[in-house]
C-alpha atoms as a PDB file:
ATOM      1  CA  MET A   1     -53.817-110.857  -1.435  1.00  0.00           C
ATOM      2  CA  LYS A   2     -54.029-109.249  -4.837  1.00  0.00           C
ATOM      3  CA  THR A   3     -55.445-105.957  -6.101  1.00  0.00           C
ATOM      4  CA  LYS A   4     -55.582-103.892  -9.263  1.00  0.00           C
ATOM      5  CA  ALA A   5     -54.498-100.275  -9.446  1.00  0.00           C
ATOM      6  CA  ILE A   6     -53.852 -97.462 -11.847  1.00  0.00           C
ATOM      7  CA  LEU A   7     -50.126 -96.886 -11.542  1.00  0.00           C
ATOM      8  CA  ARG A   8     -48.602 -93.622 -12.578  1.00  0.00           C
ATOM      9  CA  CYS A   9     -44.911 -93.374 -13.284  1.00  0.00           C
ATOM     10  CA  LYS A  10     -42.672 -90.850 -11.549  1.00  0.00           C
ATOM     11  CA  ASP A  11     -45.355 -88.710  -9.954  1.00  0.00           C
ATOM     12  CA  ASP A  12     -43.586 -86.103  -7.887  1.00  0.00           C
ATOM     13  CA  TYR A  13     -46.528 -85.771  -5.524  1.00  0.00           C
ATOM     14  CA  PHE A  14     -49.290 -88.142  -4.526  1.00  0.00           C
ATOM     15  CA  GLU A  15     -51.979 -87.271  -2.036  1.00  0.00           C
ATOM     16  CA  PRO A  16     -54.267 -90.157  -1.083  1.00  0.00           C
ATOM     17  CA  LYS A  17     -57.773 -89.143  -0.125  1.00  0.00           C
ATOM     18  CA  ASP A  18     -59.475 -90.474   2.972  1.00  0.00           C
ATOM     19  CA  CYS A  19     -62.401 -92.670   1.985  1.00  0.00           C
ATOM     20  CA  VAL A  20     -65.094 -94.253   4.077  1.00  0.00           C
ATOM     21  CA  ILE A  21     -66.692 -97.406   2.708  1.00  0.00           C
ATOM     22  CA  ALA A  22     -70.374 -96.644   3.190  1.00  0.00           C
ATOM     23  CA  LYS A  23     -71.540-100.002   1.848  1.00  0.00           C
ATOM     24  CA  VAL A  24     -70.097-103.190   0.370  1.00  0.00           C
ATOM     25  CA  ILE A  25     -71.982-104.552  -2.633  1.00  0.00           C
ATOM     26  CA  ARG A  26     -71.209-108.105  -3.726  1.00  0.00           C
ATOM     27  CA  LEU A  27     -71.978-109.082  -7.324  1.00  0.00           C
ATOM     28  CA  ASN A  28     -71.693-112.485  -8.955  1.00  0.00           C
ATOM     29  CA  SER A  29     -68.931-112.847 -11.561  1.00  0.00           C
ATOM     30  CA  VAL A  30     -71.188-112.216 -14.558  1.00  0.00           C
ATOM     31  CA  ASP A  31     -72.641-109.022 -13.087  1.00  0.00           C
ATOM     32  CA  PHE A  32     -69.256-107.816 -11.818  1.00  0.00           C
ATOM     33  CA  LEU A  33     -67.572-108.317 -15.202  1.00  0.00           C
ATOM     34  CA  HIS A  34     -70.487-106.521 -16.893  1.00  0.00           C
ATOM     35  CA  PHE A  35     -70.119-103.606 -14.462  1.00  0.00           C
ATOM     36  CA  GLN A  36     -66.351-103.536 -14.924  1.00  0.00           C
ATOM     37  CA  SER A  37     -66.602-103.459 -18.721  1.00  0.00           C
ATOM     38  CA  HIS A  38     -69.497-100.942 -18.794  1.00  0.00           C
ATOM     39  CA  ILE A  39     -68.287 -98.668 -16.032  1.00  0.00           C
ATOM     40  CA  LEU A  40     -69.996 -95.499 -17.341  1.00  0.00           C
ATOM     41  CA  ARG A  41     -73.457 -97.012 -17.793  1.00  0.00           C
ATOM     42  CA  ASP A  42     -76.218 -96.504 -15.253  1.00  0.00           C
ATOM     43  CA  GLN A  43     -76.331 -99.341 -12.742  1.00  0.00           C
ATOM     44  CA  ASP A  44     -79.394-100.091 -10.600  1.00  0.00           C
ATOM     45  CA  PHE A  45     -77.266-101.188  -7.628  1.00  0.00           C
ATOM     46  CA  ILE A  46     -75.498 -97.813  -7.699  1.00  0.00           C
ATOM     47  CA  LYS A  47     -78.721 -95.863  -8.205  1.00  0.00           C
ATOM     48  CA  GLU A  48     -80.186 -97.559  -5.112  1.00  0.00           C
ATOM     49  CA  ASN A  49     -77.193 -96.432  -3.002  1.00  0.00           C
ATOM     50  CA  THR A  50     -76.233 -93.031  -4.437  1.00  0.00           C
ATOM     51  CA  ASP A  51     -77.501 -91.308  -1.286  1.00  0.00           C
ATOM     52  CA  LEU A  52     -74.815 -93.105   0.751  1.00  0.00           C
ATOM     53  CA  CYS A  53     -72.006 -91.379  -1.162  1.00  0.00           C
ATOM     54  CA  GLY A  54     -70.579 -87.892  -0.867  1.00  0.00           C
ATOM     55  CA  ALA A  55     -68.582 -86.134   1.814  1.00  0.00           C
ATOM     56  CA  ASP A  56     -69.071 -86.913   5.478  1.00  0.00           C
ATOM     57  CA  GLU A  57     -68.894 -84.378   8.320  1.00  0.00           C
ATOM     58  CA  ASN A  58     -65.085 -84.794   8.493  1.00  0.00           C
ATOM     59  CA  GLY A  59     -64.529 -84.177   4.787  1.00  0.00           C
ATOM     60  CA  ASN A  60     -63.906 -87.853   3.974  1.00  0.00           C
ATOM     61  CA  THR A  61     -65.322 -89.219   0.740  1.00  0.00           C
ATOM     62  CA  LYS A  62     -68.009 -91.866   1.317  1.00  0.00           C
ATOM     63  CA  CYS A  63     -67.835 -94.615  -1.327  1.00  0.00           C
ATOM     64  CA  LEU A  64     -69.334 -97.936  -2.295  1.00  0.00           C
ATOM     65  CA  LEU A  65     -67.042-100.957  -2.495  1.00  0.00           C
ATOM     66  CA  VAL A  66     -68.266-103.245  -5.263  1.00  0.00           C
ATOM     67  CA  LEU A  67     -66.812-106.746  -4.947  1.00  0.00           C
ATOM     68  CA  ASN A  68     -66.870-109.820  -7.120  1.00  0.00           C
ATOM     69  CA  ARG A  69     -68.245-112.307  -4.607  1.00  0.00           C
ATOM     70  CA  ASP A  70     -66.927-115.192  -6.723  1.00  0.00           C
ATOM     71  CA  GLY A  71     -63.389-113.805  -6.982  1.00  0.00           C
ATOM     72  CA  GLU A  72     -60.971-111.352  -5.433  1.00  0.00           C
ATOM     73  CA  ASP A  73     -61.631-108.184  -7.446  1.00  0.00           C
ATOM     74  CA  GLY A  74     -63.258-105.003  -6.220  1.00  0.00           C
ATOM     75  CA  ILE A  75     -63.874-101.437  -7.363  1.00  0.00           C
ATOM     76  CA  LEU A  76     -64.164 -98.452  -5.040  1.00  0.00           C
ATOM     77  CA  VAL A  77     -66.979 -96.233  -6.351  1.00  0.00           C
ATOM     78  CA  ASN A  78     -67.581 -92.558  -5.645  1.00  0.00           C
ATOM     79  CA  THR A  79     -70.873 -91.870  -7.418  1.00  0.00           C
ATOM     80  CA  GLU A  80     -70.719 -88.081  -7.072  1.00  0.00           C
ATOM     81  CA  GLY A  81     -74.522 -88.191  -7.348  1.00  0.00           C
ATOM     82  CA  TYR A  82     -74.645 -90.204 -10.579  1.00  0.00           C
ATOM     83  CA  ASN A  83     -76.058 -93.702 -11.202  1.00  0.00           C
ATOM     84  CA  TYR A  84     -72.731 -94.953 -12.545  1.00  0.00           C
ATOM     85  CA  TYR A  85     -69.089 -95.066 -11.497  1.00  0.00           C
ATOM     86  CA  ALA A  86     -67.957 -91.448 -11.499  1.00  0.00           C
ATOM     87  CA  ALA A  87     -64.492 -91.367  -9.993  1.00  0.00           C
END
């Protein structure tokens, strides 16, 4: 298994946030690479699912998991009410 991450060096404190995957969206490679390289542009597939994101009754963040169905990459998306990747 392989993943990508933003790694920060020598953080003295790290607090992971609980996330609930509200929906998995699978894109073909072309669409996934376009999304990945235009992360701050409005995306119809996010706009259609924005209402699924936000905080749940337990304070967990509800997110979309966008996967490349032709590969192994994925991006966890918290829309924060926007039509693009916000967090």
